[in-house]
Protein backbone atom coordinates (compact mmCIF):
# COMPACT_ATOMS: atom_id res chain seq x y z
CA MET A 1 0.00 0.00 0.00
CA LYS A 2 1.31 3.43 -0.95
CA LYS A 3 1.94 5.75 2.01
CA ILE A 4 -0.01 8.99 1.79
CA GLU A 5 2.09 12.07 2.50
CA PRO A 6 0.79 14.01 5.54
CA ILE A 7 -0.28 17.10 3.54
CA CYS A 8 -3.57 18.87 4.26
CA LYS A 9 -5.14 18.15 0.86
CA ASN A 10 -4.65 14.40 1.55
CA CYS A 11 -6.34 14.58 4.96
CA LEU A 12 -10.00 14.11 5.92
CA LEU A 13 -9.51 16.89 8.49
CA TYR A 14 -8.89 19.54 5.81
CA ASN A 15 -11.89 21.86 5.44
CA HIS A 16 -11.76 22.99 1.79
CA GLU A 17 -14.42 25.71 2.24
CA LYS A 18 -12.85 27.45 5.25
CA LYS A 19 -9.22 26.51 4.44
CA GLU A 20 -8.64 25.32 7.98
CA CYS A 21 -7.99 22.12 9.85
CA ARG A 22 -11.10 20.45 11.29
CA ALA A 23 -9.11 19.24 14.30
CA ALA A 24 -10.55 21.31 17.14
CA ILE A 25 -8.26 22.90 19.68
CA LEU A 26 -10.13 23.55 22.92
CA ILE A 27 -8.95 26.38 25.17
CA ASP A 28 -11.10 27.24 28.19
CA GLY A 29 -14.05 25.53 26.50
CA LYS A 30 -13.75 27.62 23.31
CA GLU A 31 -13.12 25.86 19.97
CA TYR A 32 -10.36 27.02 17.61
CA HIS A 33 -9.19 25.75 14.19
CA ILE A 34 -5.77 26.33 12.61
CA PRO A 35 -5.88 28.09 9.21
CA VAL A 36 -3.96 25.96 6.69
CA ASP A 37 -3.07 25.87 3.01
CA MET A 38 -3.95 22.68 1.14
CA ASN A 39 -0.23 22.05 0.48
CA ASP A 40 0.82 22.52 4.13
CA HIS A 41 2.41 19.60 5.93
CA CYS A 42 0.35 18.47 8.90
CA HIS A 43 0.81 21.06 11.67
CA MET A 44 -0.37 18.58 14.31
CA ASP A 45 2.30 16.10 13.17
CA GLU A 46 5.01 18.78 13.05
CA LEU A 47 4.09 20.03 16.55
CA GLY A 48 3.96 16.50 17.96
CA ILE A 49 0.27 16.86 18.91
CA ASP A 50 -1.51 13.52 19.17
CA VAL A 51 -4.76 13.81 17.20
CA GLN A 52 -7.49 11.54 18.53
CA GLN A 53 -10.87 11.00 16.91
CA VAL A 54 -14.07 11.31 18.91
CA ARG A 55 -17.35 10.60 17.12
CA TRP A 56 -20.90 11.14 18.34
CA TRP A 57 -24.31 10.63 16.82
CA THR A 58 -27.96 10.19 17.80
CA GLU A 59 -29.88 6.92 17.39
CA ASP A 60 -33.58 6.14 17.68
CA ASN A 61 -34.82 3.11 19.67
CA LYS A 62 -34.24 0.87 16.61
CA GLY A 63 -30.58 1.83 16.29
CA ASN A 64 -31.06 4.09 13.26
CA ILE A 65 -29.04 7.29 13.08
CA VAL A 66 -31.38 10.29 13.35
CA ASN A 67 -31.24 14.07 13.41
CA GLY A 68 -33.18 15.04 16.49
CA ASN A 69 -34.47 13.20 19.54
CA GLY A 70 -32.90 9.90 20.52
CA THR A 71 -30.00 8.41 22.41
CA VAL A 72 -26.64 10.13 21.95
CA LYS A 73 -23.82 7.65 21.32
CA ILE A 74 -20.13 8.48 21.61
CA GLU A 75 -17.01 6.64 20.44
CA TYR A 76 -13.59 7.63 21.76
CA PRO A 77 -10.09 6.15 22.15
CA ASP A 78 -9.07 4.29 25.32
CA GLY A 79 -7.79 6.69 27.96
CA PHE A 80 -9.29 9.76 26.23
CA PHE A 81 -10.93 10.91 29.47
CA GLY A 82 -7.88 10.06 31.59
CA LYS A 83 -7.23 6.96 33.62
CA GLU A 84 -10.37 4.82 33.60
CA GLY A 85 -11.61 3.30 36.85
CA LYS A 86 -12.77 -0.21 37.56
């Protein structure tokens, strides 16, 4: 498999409309995004910042993804919220 070079235009986090990285940086609860050029090398990689994916969605009682009322589901990497208890 060919290795994809870590350049913004090759990344799912690149927002073509806003020309910024979709990776959210949270400071005091406020969300920020780094402006980037599509040919930039990954700033997160260059800065040594570990990017972790968190996904959330809403499901109805049959397990179908819905926009609106339902049960919110979240998927996150192990240890994302710190050391997990028993």
